[in-house]
């Protein structure tokens, strides 16, 4: 994925604080220049296999936070939000725990997950056929709209 192209299309310097991918999706590895955390949220029943897959593909080190266990993805996102609240830069810009969700983007191939996590305030993109540049850009646009809405409604920076 051409992160320079993504960066040049943004008219703001504000970036999401966390991007989360379902394990099924194509993942990007260039994110350091934007100071973006990467996370995995998978509700699979075969946790050992999923963890082994990350190590076999040698991509486990790409992610700051990995949540792989069955159940609601809301539990995964509660963990992610707690981790972001620990991040001093996020604390300066967020005056409530729930507003941290507005600093996240989630890409998943399952509509039920998109609906469930979208209710938290996370910008969500349904990627039924996997992640591509158009879906990635859609996530950034949704994030930008969500951020503007939060700024207008809550007066946050």
C-alpha atoms as a PDB file:
ATOM      1  CA  UNK A   1       0.000   0.000   0.000  1.00  0.00           C
ATOM      2  CA  UNK A   2       1.379   3.418  -0.939  1.00  0.00           C
ATOM      3  CA  UNK A   3       1.249   5.324   2.375  1.00  0.00           C
ATOM      4  CA  UNK A   4       2.725   8.452   0.753  1.00  0.00           C
ATOM      5  CA  UNK A   5      -0.313   8.543  -1.565  1.00  0.00           C
ATOM      6  CA  UNK A   6      -2.582   8.140   1.450  1.00  0.00           C
ATOM      7  CA  UNK A   7      -0.726  10.863   3.371  1.00  0.00           C
ATOM      8  CA  UNK A   8      -0.836  13.323   0.453  1.00  0.00           C
ATOM      9  CA  UNK A   9      -4.611  12.976   0.074  1.00  0.00           C
ATOM     10  CA  UNK A  10      -5.267  14.142   3.621  1.00  0.00           C
ATOM     11  CA  UNK A  11      -6.007  17.826   4.142  1.00  0.00           C
ATOM     12  CA  UNK A  12      -5.519  17.560   7.892  1.00  0.00           C
ATOM     13  CA  UNK A  13      -2.609  16.433  10.022  1.00  0.00           C
ATOM     14  CA  UNK A  14      -4.914  14.623  12.445  1.00  0.00           C
ATOM     15  CA  UNK A  15      -4.625  10.843  12.183  1.00  0.00           C
ATOM     16  CA  UNK A  16      -6.525   8.088  13.951  1.00  0.00           C
ATOM     17  CA  UNK A  17      -4.773   6.819  17.059  1.00  0.00           C
ATOM     18  CA  UNK A  18      -5.571   3.181  16.315  1.00  0.00           C
ATOM     19  CA  UNK A  19      -6.397   1.190  13.197  1.00  0.00           C
ATOM     20  CA  UNK A  20      -7.745  -2.333  13.733  1.00  0.00           C
ATOM     21  CA  UNK A  21      -7.892  -5.127  11.164  1.00  0.00           C
ATOM     22  CA  UNK A  22      -9.711  -8.415  11.236  1.00  0.00           C
ATOM     23  CA  UNK A  23      -7.277 -11.278  10.557  1.00  0.00           C
ATOM     24  CA  UNK A  24      -8.855 -12.013   7.159  1.00  0.00           C
ATOM     25  CA  UNK A  25      -7.756  -8.726   5.642  1.00  0.00           C
ATOM     26  CA  UNK A  26      -4.662  -7.583   3.840  1.00  0.00           C
ATOM     27  CA  UNK A  27      -2.502  -5.616   6.243  1.00  0.00           C
ATOM     28  CA  UNK A  28      -0.182  -2.660   5.791  1.00  0.00           C
ATOM     29  CA  UNK A  29       3.175  -2.279   7.504  1.00  0.00           C
ATOM     30  CA  UNK A  30       4.029   1.426   6.996  1.00  0.00           C
ATOM     31  CA  UNK A  31       2.527   3.493   9.767  1.00  0.00           C
ATOM     32  CA  UNK A  32       5.379   4.847  11.889  1.00  0.00           C
ATOM     33  CA  UNK A  33       5.512   8.289  10.279  1.00  0.00           C
ATOM     34  CA  UNK A  34       1.892   8.957  11.315  1.00  0.00           C
ATOM     35  CA  UNK A  35       2.330   7.544  14.852  1.00  0.00           C
ATOM     36  CA  UNK A  36      -0.589   5.191  14.338  1.00  0.00           C
ATOM     37  CA  UNK A  37      -0.991   2.063  16.437  1.00  0.00           C
ATOM     38  CA  UNK A  38      -2.078  -1.143  14.725  1.00  0.00           C
ATOM     39  CA  UNK A  39      -4.227  -3.739  16.405  1.00  0.00           C
ATOM     40  CA  UNK A  40      -5.875  -7.032  15.619  1.00  0.00           C
ATOM     41  CA  UNK A  41      -9.324  -7.966  16.866  1.00  0.00           C
ATOM     42  CA  UNK A  42     -10.364 -11.525  16.070  1.00  0.00           C
ATOM     43  CA  UNK A  43     -13.223 -13.435  17.666  1.00  0.00           C
ATOM     44  CA  UNK A  44     -12.027 -16.798  16.390  1.00  0.00           C
ATOM     45  CA  UNK A  45     -12.505 -19.990  18.388  1.00  0.00           C
ATOM     46  CA  UNK A  46      -9.089 -21.263  17.223  1.00  0.00           C
ATOM     47  CA  UNK A  47      -6.898 -18.826  19.103  1.00  0.00           C
ATOM     48  CA  UNK A  48      -3.744 -20.967  19.029  1.00  0.00           C
ATOM     49  CA  UNK A  49      -3.973 -21.313  15.246  1.00  0.00           C
ATOM     50  CA  UNK A  50      -4.552 -17.566  14.765  1.00  0.00           C
ATOM     51  CA  UNK A  51      -1.594 -16.660  16.965  1.00  0.00           C
ATOM     52  CA  UNK A  52       0.593 -19.218  15.192  1.00  0.00           C
ATOM     53  CA  UNK A  53      -0.501 -17.767  11.841  1.00  0.00           C
ATOM     54  CA  UNK A  54       0.730 -14.302  12.843  1.00  0.00           C
ATOM     55  CA  UNK A  55       4.098 -15.767  13.830  1.00  0.00           C
ATOM     56  CA  UNK A  56       4.340 -17.984  10.733  1.00  0.00           C
ATOM     57  CA  UNK A  57       3.650 -14.999   8.479  1.00  0.00           C
ATOM     58  CA  UNK A  58       6.139 -13.034  10.588  1.00  0.00           C
ATOM     59  CA  UNK A  59       3.721 -10.140  11.001  1.00  0.00           C
ATOM     60  CA  UNK A  60       3.016 -10.325  14.747  1.00  0.00           C
ATOM     61  CA  UNK A  61       5.572  -7.577  15.382  1.00  0.00           C
ATOM     62  CA  UNK A  62       3.610  -5.153  13.166  1.00  0.00           C
ATOM     63  CA  UNK A  63       0.916  -4.860  15.829  1.00  0.00           C
ATOM     64  CA  UNK A  64       0.937  -2.964  19.070  1.00  0.00           C
ATOM     65  CA  UNK A  65      -2.081  -4.775  20.493  1.00  0.00           C
ATOM     66  CA  UNK A  66      -3.457  -8.192  19.557  1.00  0.00           C
ATOM     67  CA  UNK A  67      -6.792  -9.423  20.860  1.00  0.00           C
ATOM     68  CA  UNK A  68      -7.634 -12.957  19.703  1.00  0.00           C
ATOM     69  CA  UNK A  69     -10.395 -14.784  21.572  1.00  0.00           C
ATOM     70  CA  UNK A  70     -14.062 -15.675  21.001  1.00  0.00           C
ATOM     71  CA  UNK A  71     -16.900 -13.428  22.062  1.00  0.00           C
ATOM     72  CA  UNK A  72     -17.920  -9.864  21.413  1.00  0.00           C
ATOM     73  CA  UNK A  73     -15.458  -7.551  19.720  1.00  0.00           C
ATOM     74  CA  UNK A  74     -16.656  -4.878  22.153  1.00  0.00           C
ATOM     75  CA  UNK A  75     -14.395  -6.523  24.726  1.00  0.00           C
ATOM     76  CA  UNK A  76     -11.474  -6.199  22.304  1.00  0.00           C
ATOM     77  CA  UNK A  77     -12.284  -2.519  21.826  1.00  0.00           C
ATOM     78  CA  UNK A  78     -12.577  -1.851  25.545  1.00  0.00           C
ATOM     79  CA  UNK A  79      -8.999  -3.128  25.827  1.00  0.00           C
ATOM     80  CA  UNK A  80      -7.875  -0.941  22.903  1.00  0.00           C
ATOM     81  CA  UNK A  81      -9.564   2.127  24.417  1.00  0.00           C
ATOM     82  CA  UNK A  82      -7.870   1.510  27.763  1.00  0.00           C
ATOM     83  CA  UNK A  83      -4.497   1.275  26.006  1.00  0.00           C
ATOM     84  CA  UNK A  84      -5.120   4.522  24.125  1.00  0.00           C
ATOM     85  CA  UNK A  85      -6.190   6.297  27.309  1.00  0.00           C
ATOM     86  CA  UNK A  86      -2.783   5.341  28.717  1.00  0.00           C
ATOM     87  CA  UNK A  87      -1.229   7.185  25.780  1.00  0.00           C
ATOM     88  CA  UNK A  88      -0.476  10.692  27.060  1.00  0.00           C
ATOM     89  CA  UNK A  89      -1.063  12.296  23.645  1.00  0.00           C
ATOM     90  CA  UNK A  90      -4.575  10.860  23.491  1.00  0.00           C
ATOM     91  CA  UNK A  91      -5.351  11.963  27.041  1.00  0.00           C
ATOM     92  CA  UNK A  92      -4.546  15.566  26.128  1.00  0.00           C
ATOM     93  CA  UNK A  93      -7.103  15.491  23.319  1.00  0.00           C
ATOM     94  CA  UNK A  94      -9.849  13.380  24.915  1.00  0.00           C
ATOM     95  CA  UNK A  95     -11.757  14.370  28.001  1.00  0.00           C
ATOM     96  CA  UNK A  96     -13.794  11.175  28.279  1.00  0.00           C
ATOM     97  CA  UNK A  97     -13.139   7.477  27.818  1.00  0.00           C
ATOM     98  CA  UNK A  98     -15.952   7.043  25.274  1.00  0.00           C
ATOM     99  CA  UNK A  99     -14.476   9.719  22.999  1.00  0.00           C
ATOM    100  CA  UNK A 100     -11.357   7.588  22.495  1.00  0.00           C
ATOM    101  CA  UNK A 101     -13.424   5.322  20.206  1.00  0.00           C
ATOM    102  CA  UNK A 102     -13.743   8.220  17.755  1.00  0.00           C
ATOM    103  CA  UNK A 103      -9.965   8.019  17.278  1.00  0.00           C
ATOM    104  CA  UNK A 104     -10.140   4.496  15.803  1.00  0.00           C
ATOM    105  CA  UNK A 105     -10.810   2.909  12.418  1.00  0.00           C
ATOM    106  CA  UNK A 106     -11.933  -0.703  12.026  1.00  0.00           C
ATOM    107  CA  UNK A 107     -11.866  -2.797   8.849  1.00  0.00           C
ATOM    108  CA  UNK A 108     -13.738  -6.125   8.868  1.00  0.00           C
ATOM    109  CA  UNK A 109     -15.392  -8.531   6.457  1.00  0.00           C
ATOM    110  CA  UNK A 110     -18.374  -9.255   8.751  1.00  0.00           C
ATOM    111  CA  UNK A 111     -21.298  -6.818   8.844  1.00  0.00           C
ATOM    112  CA  UNK A 112     -22.280  -7.874  12.378  1.00  0.00           C
ATOM    113  CA  UNK A 113     -18.857  -6.755  13.651  1.00  0.00           C
ATOM    114  CA  UNK A 114     -19.082  -3.467  11.743  1.00  0.00           C
ATOM    115  CA  UNK A 115     -22.509  -2.780  13.269  1.00  0.00           C
ATOM    116  CA  UNK A 116     -21.488  -3.770  16.810  1.00  0.00           C
ATOM    117  CA  UNK A 117     -18.279  -1.727  16.878  1.00  0.00           C
ATOM    118  CA  UNK A 118     -19.773   1.195  14.944  1.00  0.00           C
ATOM    119  CA  UNK A 119     -22.191   1.696  17.851  1.00  0.00           C
ATOM    120  CA  UNK A 120     -19.196   2.586  20.026  1.00  0.00           C
ATOM    121  CA  UNK A 121     -18.292   5.500  17.751  1.00  0.00           C
ATOM    122  CA  UNK A 122     -15.482   3.752  15.855  1.00  0.00           C
ATOM    123  CA  UNK A 123     -15.256   4.549  12.126  1.00  0.00           C
ATOM    124  CA  UNK A 124     -15.973   1.169  10.505  1.00  0.00           C
ATOM    125  CA  UNK A 125     -15.553  -0.078   6.944  1.00  0.00           C
ATOM    126  CA  UNK A 126     -17.072  -3.306   5.665  1.00  0.00           C
ATOM    127  CA  UNK A 127     -14.490  -5.101   3.489  1.00  0.00           C
ATOM    128  CA  UNK A 128     -16.432  -8.102   2.256  1.00  0.00           C
ATOM    129  CA  UNK A 129     -13.778  -8.906  -0.348  1.00  0.00           C
ATOM    130  CA  UNK A 130     -10.740  -7.770   1.647  1.00  0.00           C
ATOM    131  CA  UNK A 131      -8.948  -4.496   2.154  1.00  0.00           C
ATOM    132  CA  UNK A 132      -7.826  -2.460  -0.853  1.00  0.00           C
ATOM    133  CA  UNK A 133      -6.741   1.166  -1.270  1.00  0.00           C
ATOM    134  CA  UNK A 134     -10.321   2.324  -1.905  1.00  0.00           C
ATOM    135  CA  UNK A 135     -11.575   0.724   1.322  1.00  0.00           C
ATOM    136  CA  UNK A 136      -8.573   2.069   3.203  1.00  0.00           C
ATOM    137  CA  UNK A 137      -9.295   5.585   1.917  1.00  0.00           C
ATOM    138  CA  UNK A 138     -12.982   5.161   2.774  1.00  0.00           C
ATOM    139  CA  UNK A 139     -11.911   4.496   6.366  1.00  0.00           C
ATOM    140  CA  UNK A 140      -9.811   7.658   6.466  1.00  0.00           C
ATOM    141  CA  UNK A 141     -12.715   9.710   5.068  1.00  0.00           C
ATOM    142  CA  UNK A 142     -15.144   8.228   7.614  1.00  0.00           C
ATOM    143  CA  UNK A 143     -12.639   8.965  10.363  1.00  0.00           C
ATOM    144  CA  UNK A 144     -12.274  12.576   9.227  1.00  0.00           C
ATOM    145  CA  UNK A 145     -16.065  13.085   9.171  1.00  0.00           C
ATOM    146  CA  UNK A 146     -16.395  11.480  12.585  1.00  0.00           C
ATOM    147  CA  UNK A 147     -13.620  13.650  13.997  1.00  0.00           C
ATOM    148  CA  UNK A 148     -15.262  16.817  12.646  1.00  0.00           C
ATOM    149  CA  UNK A 149     -18.573  15.736  14.173  1.00  0.00           C
ATOM    150  CA  UNK A 150     -16.935  15.163  17.558  1.00  0.00           C
ATOM    151  CA  UNK A 151     -15.179  18.525  17.361  1.00  0.00           C
ATOM    152  CA  UNK A 152     -18.456  20.276  16.577  1.00  0.00           C
ATOM    153  CA  UNK A 153     -20.516  18.399  19.176  1.00  0.00           C
ATOM    154  CA  UNK A 154     -18.013  18.203  22.027  1.00  0.00           C
ATOM    155  CA  UNK A 155     -15.535  20.986  21.296  1.00  0.00           C
ATOM    156  CA  UNK A 156     -12.553  18.607  21.322  1.00  0.00           C
ATOM    157  CA  UNK A 157      -9.226  19.051  19.572  1.00  0.00           C
END
